[in-house]
Amino acid sequence: MPSLNHNIKRTHSFENLYVEGKIPEDLKGTLYRVGPGLVERFGQSKHPFMADGAITAVRINESAQGACKLVESEAFLEEERMGKTLYDPDAPLLRRLYNGVTRSIKNTGNTQVLHWQGELYALMEQGKPVRFSESDLATLGTDNLGIIEGSFSAHPHRVEQLKTTFNFGINGNMIEVFALPDNGNIKILTRFKAPWIALIHDFMVTKKHVLFFIDPAKVIIWRAMLGLKDFTKYFQWDQTEGTHIIVIPLNDPESRTQITVDPFRVWHFANAYEQGDEIIIDAFRHKNIDVLTKPTQLDNDIPKPELYRFTVNPKKKTFTDETLSDVIAEFPIVNPNFIGKQHRYIWMQHYQDKNDNEGIALHDTITGHSKRWPAPEGHLCSEAIFVPKPNNKEENGWLLQLIQDSKKEKSYLAVFDAVHFEDGPVAKLWFDQPIPATFHGIFVPEGPYRT
């Protein structure tokens, strides 16, 4: 399979994209996606997780304009002035030691985008948010939102019914949980200690609870402090430990329940909701963290993720699990209006297998059936984004998937009707260059502010 890993070839503000097909009349707004923009810099190759980020945006309103810009944080610009790496494993040893002692981190902004109270931020795992401009994607500077002292993670989740976005940050083995209301100031809901300094990528929120699955992927502190060359060896999978499930009630955040189960990992959750005293969680289950070595490729030596349903009862401290689908996939999504409440449908990025190319898959949690749209040969896909249509039906919406045509060496945003996505895109919005792999993104509807 051709690699998604390459530098962005050129950066630019919004310019017209070639439209193949017809843009839906009710699809109006801007898609923002981020990913590694510079996997080679100063003559050195970078792990995709460590690469400086690129923001890609597509503005849609009957026509389409696209833009691509690097995340040029203060630390990035410092490296540009010095002409060398200062903040990752390729930095000189003394500088790496200094970074470790002072906890100096460059936010590459390569993992996710946050839209909150009319502002846009590029996020990564361990840094503070980097604000950027809606008009041209220019970086505006690092922002602690008035409260963030440590880090701000890259997987915020907004619960429509609560009109609040939730996120977390990690400082050593201390975890802070943040609430960002649509109106009002950010606040810290609670702080608690993890059982070890852990690699936590995602979490989940319902109408009543915050949930963490803390698996035995432990940070090897001395390796991280020294900033050793191989980033993937900063972490150790300790098979002797279990996965700790932490359940935090929103109405009493200091009253937490912990359940320990056999070890497994969740990189990405689809959704979670309450059903009586139980909490239902749908997510992709991994056996370990081997995928760290090749995060943008599916390697035969890496255990395949599986879509699971977990059921947790905090009162009885019980846990059960079951497989939902055998589709080889990841990056699950639901209609964003259904985050925190019961859903039926899960869309996901499915990977290439012996039967199909990669593309989009849908799992129906009621019937148990799945269906797929395989992309053409050599088309390299990414996480899909669900844009609800202006009604309350869960399945009615548009799916947006950024796809790279490796033969044409160009990327396009594919627009699908979510109900009939297996029929293929109704429109393709073409860039004149191949966009490097993107990890996550959001869609901001046109009109009055909506998160």
Protein backbone atom coordinates (compact mmCIF):
# COMPACT_ATOMS: atom_id res chain seq x y z
CA MET A 1 0.00 0.00 0.00
CA PRO A 2 1.41 3.46 -0.84
CA SER A 3 2.44 5.48 2.18
CA LEU A 4 0.49 8.47 3.42
CA ASN A 5 3.66 9.85 4.96
CA HIS A 6 5.12 12.82 3.09
CA ASN A 7 5.54 16.54 3.61
CA ILE A 8 2.88 18.99 2.56
CA LYS A 9 4.05 20.21 -0.86
CA ARG A 10 2.78 23.78 -0.54
CA THR A 11 0.80 25.84 1.94
CA HIS A 12 -1.87 28.32 0.91
CA SER A 13 -4.89 30.29 2.07
CA PHE A 14 -8.37 29.57 0.75
CA GLU A 15 -8.54 29.04 -2.99
CA ASN A 16 -11.12 27.48 -5.29
CA LEU A 17 -11.29 23.70 -5.48
CA TYR A 18 -12.39 21.79 -8.55
CA VAL A 19 -15.84 20.30 -7.93
CA GLU A 20 -16.72 16.94 -9.48
CA GLY A 21 -20.42 16.17 -9.06
CA LYS A 22 -22.83 18.42 -7.19
CA ILE A 23 -22.42 19.88 -3.71
CA PRO A 24 -25.59 19.31 -1.62
CA GLU A 25 -27.58 22.50 -1.10
CA ASP A 26 -27.92 21.97 2.65
CA LEU A 27 -24.21 21.31 3.26
CA LYS A 28 -22.80 24.66 4.35
CA GLY A 29 -19.86 25.22 6.64
CA THR A 30 -16.16 24.44 6.99
CA LEU A 31 -14.36 21.15 7.51
CA TYR A 32 -11.10 21.36 9.48
CA ARG A 33 -8.65 18.47 9.65
CA VAL A 34 -5.16 18.19 11.10
CA GLY A 35 -2.33 15.71 10.73
CA PRO A 36 1.44 15.49 10.32
CA GLY A 37 2.50 18.14 7.82
CA LEU A 38 6.29 17.75 7.98
CA VAL A 39 7.40 14.15 8.42
CA GLU A 40 10.86 15.24 7.28
CA ARG A 41 12.44 18.43 8.61
CA PHE A 42 16.01 19.68 8.75
CA GLY A 43 17.00 16.51 6.89
CA GLN A 44 15.57 14.22 9.57
CA SER A 45 12.58 11.86 9.34
CA LYS A 46 9.88 12.20 12.01
CA HIS A 47 7.45 9.71 13.50
CA PRO A 48 3.95 10.88 12.38
CA PHE A 49 2.98 11.52 16.01
CA MET A 50 6.00 13.82 16.43
CA ALA A 51 5.73 15.65 13.11
CA ASP A 52 4.76 19.31 12.89
CA GLY A 53 1.08 19.63 12.11
CA ALA A 54 -0.73 20.89 9.05
CA ILE A 55 -4.27 22.26 9.10
CA THR A 56 -6.41 21.48 6.07
CA ALA A 57 -9.75 23.24 5.65
CA VAL A 58 -12.53 23.03 3.09
CA ARG A 59 -15.11 25.82 3.08
CA ILE A 60 -18.39 24.72 1.49
CA ASN A 61 -21.29 26.90 0.38
CA GLU A 62 -22.53 25.81 -3.07
CA SER A 63 -18.90 26.16 -4.18
CA ALA A 64 -15.77 24.96 -2.38
CA GLN A 65 -12.53 26.59 -1.28
CA GLY A 66 -9.59 24.81 0.35
CA ALA A 67 -6.63 25.93 2.43
CA CYS A 68 -3.56 24.26 3.97
CA LYS A 69 -1.27 25.83 6.56
CA LEU A 70 1.39 24.59 8.97
CA VAL A 71 0.87 25.01 12.71
CA GLU A 72 3.51 27.66 13.37
CA SER A 73 3.62 27.81 17.15
CA GLU A 74 6.21 29.85 19.02
CA ALA A 75 8.37 26.74 19.41
CA PHE A 76 8.09 25.93 15.70
CA LEU A 77 9.19 29.46 14.78
CA GLU A 78 12.09 29.23 17.25
CA GLU A 79 13.30 26.11 15.41
CA GLU A 80 12.91 27.90 12.08
CA ARG A 81 15.11 30.76 13.32
CA MET A 82 17.75 28.33 14.65
CA GLY A 83 17.57 26.08 11.60
CA LYS A 84 17.44 22.90 13.68
CA THR A 85 15.25 20.70 15.84
CA LEU A 86 14.94 21.79 19.47
CA TYR A 87 11.89 19.96 20.81
CA ASP A 88 11.79 16.33 19.69
CA PRO A 89 14.07 13.23 19.80
CA ASP A 90 16.29 14.65 17.04
CA ALA A 91 17.32 17.61 19.22
CA PRO A 92 20.85 17.63 20.72
CA LEU A 93 21.23 15.63 23.95
CA LEU A 94 21.69 18.62 26.27
CA ARG A 95 18.65 20.30 24.79
CA ARG A 96 16.61 17.11 25.25
CA LEU A 97 17.70 16.93 28.89
CA TYR A 98 16.73 20.57 29.34
CA ASN A 99 13.33 19.91 27.79
CA GLY A 100 12.78 16.93 30.07
CA VAL A 101 13.67 18.80 33.25
CA THR A 102 11.71 21.95 32.37
CA ARG A 103 8.87 20.04 30.66
CA SER A 104 9.33 22.17 27.56
CA ILE A 105 7.01 20.84 24.86
CA LYS A 106 6.22 22.00 21.37
CA ASN A 107 2.55 21.67 20.52
CA THR A 108 2.67 20.34 16.97
CA GLY A 109 -1.12 20.70 16.67
CA ASN A 110 -1.28 17.57 14.53
CA THR A 111 -4.06 15.54 16.16
CA GLN A 112 -7.44 17.32 16.46
CA VAL A 113 -9.25 20.66 16.16
CA LEU A 114 -11.37 22.29 18.85
CA HIS A 115 -14.03 24.89 18.02
CA TRP A 116 -15.16 26.64 21.19
CA GLN A 117 -16.96 29.94 21.64
CA GLY A 118 -16.12 31.06 18.11
CA GLU A 119 -12.38 30.28 18.28
CA LEU A 120 -10.39 27.49 16.62
CA TYR A 121 -7.54 25.55 18.23
CA ALA A 122 -5.13 22.88 16.97
CA LEU A 123 -4.51 20.17 19.58
CA MET A 124 -2.03 17.42 20.37
CA GLU A 125 -1.65 15.02 23.29
CA GLN A 126 0.60 16.87 25.69
CA GLY A 127 0.58 20.57 24.86
CA LYS A 128 -1.64 23.58 25.33
CA PRO A 129 -4.05 24.57 22.53
CA VAL A 130 -2.70 26.57 19.58
CA ARG A 131 -5.23 29.10 18.29
CA PHE A 132 -5.51 29.71 14.57
CA SER A 133 -7.45 32.03 12.30
CA GLU A 134 -10.74 31.08 10.67
CA SER A 135 -10.06 33.40 7.72
CA ASP A 136 -6.71 32.01 6.53
CA LEU A 137 -5.61 29.31 9.07
CA ALA A 138 -2.71 31.51 10.27
CA THR A 139 -1.37 30.50 13.68
CA LEU A 140 -2.28 33.07 16.36
CA GLY A 141 -0.34 31.61 19.29
CA THR A 142 -0.51 29.20 22.20
CA ASP A 143 -3.48 29.74 24.54
CA ASN A 144 -4.05 28.24 27.99
CA LEU A 145 -7.74 29.27 27.90
CA GLY A 146 -7.09 31.04 31.19
CA ILE A 147 -6.85 27.87 33.25
CA ILE A 148 -4.69 25.12 31.69
CA GLU A 149 -1.45 24.66 33.62
CA GLY A 150 -0.36 21.28 32.29
CA SER A 151 -1.60 19.73 29.06
CA PHE A 152 -4.88 19.71 27.17
CA SER A 153 -5.57 16.47 25.35
CA ALA A 154 -6.54 15.98 21.71
CA HIS A 155 -9.94 14.30 22.07
CA PRO A 156 -12.54 16.77 23.35
CA HIS A 157 -16.15 15.57 23.25
CA ARG A 158 -19.21 17.80 23.18
CA VAL A 159 -22.52 16.60 24.62
CA GLU A 160 -25.28 18.46 22.80
CA GLN A 161 -27.84 17.94 25.58
CA LEU A 162 -25.46 19.48 28.12
CA LYS A 163 -24.29 22.27 25.77
CA THR A 164 -20.80 21.51 27.05
CA THR A 165 -17.52 20.23 25.64
CA PHE A 166 -15.39 18.03 27.90
CA ASN A 167 -11.67 17.28 27.76
CA PHE A 168 -8.82 16.21 30.01
CA GLY A 169 -5.18 16.98 30.61
CA ILE A 170 -2.32 14.95 32.08
CA ASN A 171 0.40 16.22 34.40
CA GLY A 172 2.57 13.28 35.49
CA ASN A 173 0.09 10.76 36.85
CA MET A 174 -2.46 13.48 37.70
CA ILE A 175 -5.46 13.77 35.39
CA GLU A 176 -7.55 16.95 35.19
CA VAL A 177 -11.05 16.88 33.69
CA PHE A 178 -12.21 20.10 32.03
CA ALA A 179 -15.71 21.36 31.20
CA LEU A 180 -16.05 23.99 28.47
CA PRO A 181 -19.65 25.27 28.34
CA ASP A 182 -20.98 26.83 25.15
CA ASN A 183 -21.48 29.97 27.23
CA GLY A 184 -19.34 30.72 30.26
CA ASN A 185 -15.84 30.00 31.45
CA ILE A 186 -13.86 26.80 31.28
CA LYS A 187 -13.57 25.01 34.62
CA ILE A 188 -11.87 21.99 36.14
CA LEU A 189 -14.47 19.40 37.15
CA THR A 190 -12.08 17.18 39.08
CA ARG A 191 -8.51 16.00 39.48
CA PHE A 192 -7.47 12.43 40.24
CA LYS A 193 -4.37 10.26 40.18
CA ALA A 194 -3.94 7.58 37.57
CA PRO A 195 -2.44 4.28 38.76
CA TRP A 196 0.72 5.08 36.75
CA ILE A 197 1.98 7.62 34.23
CA ALA A 198 -0.14 6.36 31.39
CA LEU A 199 -0.58 6.79 27.64
CA ILE A 200 -4.21 7.98 27.54
CA HIS A 201 -5.42 9.03 24.09
CA ASP A 202 -9.21 9.19 24.33
CA PHE A 203 -11.98 9.13 26.92
CA MET A 204 -15.79 9.24 26.80
CA VAL A 205 -18.65 11.32 28.18
CA THR A 206 -22.35 10.55 28.63
CA LYS A 207 -25.17 12.74 29.92
CA LYS A 208 -24.23 11.71 33.46
CA HIS A 209 -20.68 10.35 33.52
CA VAL A 210 -17.08 10.77 32.39
CA LEU A 211 -15.25 7.51 31.63
CA PHE A 212 -11.56 6.67 31.36
CA PHE A 213 -10.08 3.33 30.32
CA ILE A 214 -6.52 3.44 31.69
CA ASP A 215 -4.63 0.49 30.26
CA PRO A 216 -1.11 -0.74 31.16
CA ALA A 217 0.67 1.34 28.51
CA LYS A 218 3.15 2.92 30.91
CA VAL A 219 5.46 5.80 30.18
CA ILE A 220 9.10 4.86 30.75
CA ILE A 221 10.07 8.06 32.50
CA TRP A 222 13.83 7.94 31.99
CA ARG A 223 13.45 7.36 28.25
CA ALA A 224 10.99 10.24 27.94
CA MET A 225 13.20 12.51 30.05
CA LEU A 226 16.24 11.74 27.88
CA GLY A 227 14.17 12.14 24.72
CA LEU A 228 15.66 9.00 23.17
CA LYS A 229 15.49 8.69 19.41
CA ASP A 230 12.79 6.04 19.07
CA PHE A 231 9.60 7.69 20.32
CA THR A 232 7.70 4.38 20.27
CA LYS A 233 9.98 3.00 22.99
CA TYR A 234 8.87 5.66 25.49
CA PHE A 235 6.04 3.29 26.36
CA GLN A 236 5.88 -0.23 27.76
CA TRP A 237 2.89 -2.58 27.67
CA ASP A 238 2.83 -4.23 31.10
CA GLN A 239 0.84 -7.42 30.60
CA THR A 240 0.90 -8.08 34.36
CA GLU A 241 -1.41 -5.12 35.00
CA GLY A 242 -5.07 -4.74 34.11
CA THR A 243 -7.06 -1.98 32.45
CA HIS A 244 -8.58 0.37 35.01
CA ILE A 245 -12.04 1.70 34.16
CA ILE A 246 -12.71 4.98 35.97
CA VAL A 247 -16.34 6.17 36.16
CA ILE A 248 -16.88 9.78 37.30
CA PRO A 249 -20.44 11.06 37.95
CA LEU A 250 -20.93 14.58 36.60
CA ASN A 251 -23.17 15.49 39.53
CA ASP A 252 -20.55 14.35 42.07
CA PRO A 253 -17.12 14.32 40.37
CA GLU A 254 -15.22 13.45 43.54
CA SER A 255 -17.18 10.19 43.88
CA ARG A 256 -15.39 7.87 41.47
CA THR A 257 -15.77 4.16 40.81
CA GLN A 258 -12.87 2.00 39.61
CA ILE A 259 -13.19 -1.41 38.00
CA THR A 260 -10.09 -3.41 36.98
CA VAL A 261 -10.31 -5.92 34.12
CA ASP A 262 -7.92 -7.96 31.98
CA PRO A 263 -5.62 -5.70 29.92
CA PHE A 264 -6.72 -4.26 26.59
CA ARG A 265 -6.47 -0.86 24.95
CA VAL A 266 -8.92 1.63 23.45
CA TRP A 267 -7.47 4.23 21.11
CA HIS A 268 -10.86 5.60 20.01
CA PHE A 269 -14.36 5.48 21.45
CA ALA A 270 -17.49 5.70 19.29
CA ASN A 271 -19.97 6.68 21.99
CA ALA A 272 -21.38 5.85 25.43
CA TYR A 273 -24.75 6.21 27.13
CA GLU A 274 -26.71 5.16 30.22
CA GLN A 275 -29.25 2.35 30.19
CA GLY A 276 -30.72 2.07 33.69
CA ASP A 277 -27.83 1.53 36.10
CA GLU A 278 -25.56 0.39 33.28
CA ILE A 279 -23.31 2.36 30.96
CA ILE A 280 -22.98 1.11 27.39
CA ILE A 281 -19.69 1.94 25.65
CA ASP A 282 -18.88 1.18 22.00
CA ALA A 283 -15.22 1.38 21.01
CA PHE A 284 -12.42 -0.31 19.10
CA ARG A 285 -10.53 -2.79 21.26
CA HIS A 286 -6.78 -3.34 20.74
CA LYS A 287 -4.71 -6.09 22.31
CA ASN A 288 -1.75 -3.77 22.97
CA ILE A 289 -0.02 -0.62 21.67
CA ASP A 290 1.89 -2.15 18.75
CA VAL A 291 0.06 0.15 16.32
CA LEU A 292 2.32 2.98 17.60
CA THR A 293 5.04 1.74 15.27
CA LYS A 294 2.98 2.32 12.10
CA PRO A 295 0.02 4.57 12.93
CA THR A 296 -0.88 5.38 9.30
CA GLN A 297 -0.52 1.87 7.88
CA LEU A 298 -2.15 -1.48 8.60
CA ASP A 299 0.67 -3.96 9.08
CA ASN A 300 0.15 -7.72 9.07
CA ASP A 301 2.26 -8.06 12.22
CA ILE A 302 0.04 -5.71 14.24
CA PRO A 303 -3.05 -7.17 15.98
CA LYS A 304 -6.20 -5.95 14.24
CA PRO A 305 -8.64 -3.73 16.18
CA GLU A 306 -12.17 -5.01 16.76
CA LEU A 307 -15.40 -3.09 17.38
CA TYR A 308 -16.63 -4.01 20.86
CA ARG A 309 -19.50 -3.16 23.17
CA PHE A 310 -18.57 -2.79 26.84
CA THR A 311 -21.17 -2.71 29.61
CA VAL A 312 -20.23 -1.20 32.96
CA ASN A 313 -22.36 -1.13 36.10
CA PRO A 314 -20.75 1.31 38.57
CA LYS A 315 -23.06 0.30 41.43
CA LYS A 316 -22.31 -3.41 41.14
CA LYS A 317 -18.75 -2.82 39.83
CA THR A 318 -19.33 -5.24 36.99
CA PHE A 319 -17.98 -5.28 33.44
CA THR A 320 -18.88 -7.33 30.37
CA ASP A 321 -17.83 -7.14 26.74
CA GLU A 322 -18.89 -8.51 23.37
CA THR A 323 -17.74 -8.19 19.77
CA LEU A 324 -20.03 -6.06 17.59
CA SER A 325 -18.41 -6.41 14.17
CA ASP A 326 -15.60 -8.25 12.41
CA VAL A 327 -14.97 -5.38 9.98
CA ILE A 328 -11.29 -4.43 10.11
CA ALA A 329 -11.58 -0.74 10.89
CA GLU A 330 -10.91 2.11 13.32
CA PHE A 331 -11.81 5.80 13.83
CA PRO A 332 -15.47 5.21 14.78
CA ILE A 333 -17.98 8.07 14.74
CA VAL A 334 -21.65 8.62 15.49
CA ASN A 335 -23.98 11.47 14.66
CA PRO A 336 -22.52 14.22 16.92
CA ASN A 337 -26.01 15.10 18.19
CA PHE A 338 -26.11 11.58 19.69
CA ILE A 339 -22.89 11.77 21.71
CA GLY A 340 -23.75 10.81 25.27
CA LYS A 341 -27.12 9.28 24.41
CA GLN A 342 -28.27 6.02 22.84
CA HIS A 343 -27.19 5.56 19.23
CA ARG A 344 -27.90 2.92 16.62
CA TYR A 345 -25.35 3.57 13.89
CA ILE A 346 -21.55 3.65 13.94
CA TRP A 347 -19.60 4.78 10.90
CA MET A 348 -15.90 4.01 10.71
CA GLN A 349 -12.85 4.06 8.46
CA HIS A 350 -12.44 0.50 7.26
CA TYR A 351 -9.04 -0.80 6.24
CA GLN A 352 -7.98 -2.75 3.19
CA ASP A 353 -8.47 -6.50 3.47
CA LYS A 354 -8.61 -9.53 1.17
CA ASN A 355 -12.12 -8.58 0.00
CA ASP A 356 -12.13 -4.79 -0.29
CA ASN A 357 -10.00 -1.67 -0.53
CA GLU A 358 -10.12 0.75 2.38
CA GLY A 359 -13.04 3.16 2.66
CA ILE A 360 -16.10 3.67 4.89
CA ALA A 361 -18.09 1.08 6.84
CA LEU A 362 -21.34 1.30 8.80
CA HIS A 363 -22.41 -0.96 11.66
CA ASP A 364 -26.04 -1.17 12.74
CA THR A 365 -26.02 -2.02 16.45
CA ILE A 366 -29.65 -3.21 16.36
CA THR A 367 -29.58 -5.58 13.37
CA GLY A 368 -25.89 -6.44 13.73
CA HIS A 369 -25.40 -5.87 10.01
CA SER A 370 -22.54 -3.94 8.43
CA LYS A 371 -22.11 -2.43 4.98
CA ARG A 372 -19.15 -0.82 3.23
CA TRP A 373 -18.04 1.53 0.52
CA PRO A 374 -14.59 0.50 -0.78
CA ALA A 375 -12.55 3.30 -2.34
CA PRO A 376 -10.94 2.76 -5.74
CA GLU A 377 -7.54 1.07 -5.84
CA GLY A 378 -4.78 3.40 -4.65
CA HIS A 379 -7.14 5.83 -2.91
CA LEU A 380 -5.95 6.35 0.66
CA CYS A 381 -8.67 7.23 3.14
CA SER A 382 -9.03 8.93 6.51
CA GLU A 383 -11.53 9.23 9.35
CA ALA A 384 -14.99 10.25 8.16
CA ILE A 385 -16.86 13.22 9.64
CA PHE A 386 -20.65 13.11 10.09
CA VAL A 387 -22.56 16.32 9.36
CA PRO A 388 -26.21 16.09 10.52
CA LYS A 389 -28.97 17.27 8.21
CA PRO A 390 -31.41 19.79 9.74
CA ASN A 391 -33.69 17.18 11.33
CA ASN A 392 -33.44 14.84 14.30
CA LYS A 393 -33.09 11.51 12.48
CA GLU A 394 -29.88 9.81 13.52
CA GLU A 395 -28.86 8.44 10.12
CA ASN A 396 -29.70 11.53 8.05
CA GLY A 397 -26.60 13.50 7.26
CA TRP A 398 -23.53 13.84 5.11
CA LEU A 399 -20.28 11.94 5.48
CA LEU A 400 -17.10 13.82 4.61
CA GLN A 401 -13.92 11.83 4.01
CA LEU A 402 -10.60 13.31 2.86
CA ILE A 403 -9.05 10.87 0.38
CA GLN A 404 -5.70 10.87 -1.40
CA ASP A 405 -5.56 9.53 -4.96
CA SER A 406 -2.01 8.17 -5.02
CA LYS A 407 -2.04 7.74 -8.80
CA LYS A 408 -3.07 11.33 -9.56
CA GLU A 409 -1.06 12.59 -6.56
CA LYS A 410 -4.01 14.74 -5.55
CA SER A 411 -6.47 14.66 -2.66
CA TYR A 412 -10.19 15.24 -2.66
CA LEU A 413 -12.91 15.65 -0.09
CA ALA A 414 -15.54 13.02 -0.80
CA VAL A 415 -19.13 13.95 0.12
CA PHE A 416 -21.49 11.01 0.77
CA ASP A 417 -25.15 10.79 1.66
CA ALA A 418 -24.85 8.93 4.98
CA VAL A 419 -27.94 6.80 4.29
CA HIS A 420 -26.70 5.62 0.88
CA PHE A 421 -22.95 6.04 1.30
CA GLU A 422 -22.26 2.66 -0.31
CA ASP A 423 -23.37 4.21 -3.62
CA GLY A 424 -20.26 6.38 -3.56
CA PRO A 425 -19.64 10.14 -3.29
CA VAL A 426 -22.19 12.61 -4.61
CA ALA A 427 -19.37 15.13 -4.97
CA LYS A 428 -15.58 15.26 -4.91
CA LEU A 429 -13.83 18.53 -4.03
CA TRP A 430 -10.31 18.35 -5.45
CA PHE A 431 -7.08 19.89 -4.16
CA ASP A 432 -4.22 20.25 -6.64
CA GLN A 433 -1.83 18.34 -4.36
CA PRO A 434 -1.78 15.22 -2.17
CA ILE A 435 -2.64 16.12 1.44
CA PRO A 436 -0.55 14.13 3.96
CA ALA A 437 -2.34 11.81 6.37
CA THR A 438 -4.78 13.56 8.69
CA PHE A 439 -5.81 12.08 12.03
CA HIS A 440 -8.96 13.89 13.17
CA GLY A 441 -11.17 16.81 12.32
CA ILE A 442 -14.45 18.66 12.83
CA PHE A 443 -17.13 20.37 10.76
CA VAL A 444 -18.27 23.85 11.78
CA PRO A 445 -21.69 24.69 10.29
CA GLU A 446 -22.23 28.02 8.59
CA GLY A 447 -24.28 30.63 10.42
CA PRO A 448 -24.56 31.70 14.07
CA TYR A 449 -21.98 30.17 16.39
CA ARG A 450 -22.47 26.49 17.04
CA THR A 451 -19.81 24.26 18.58
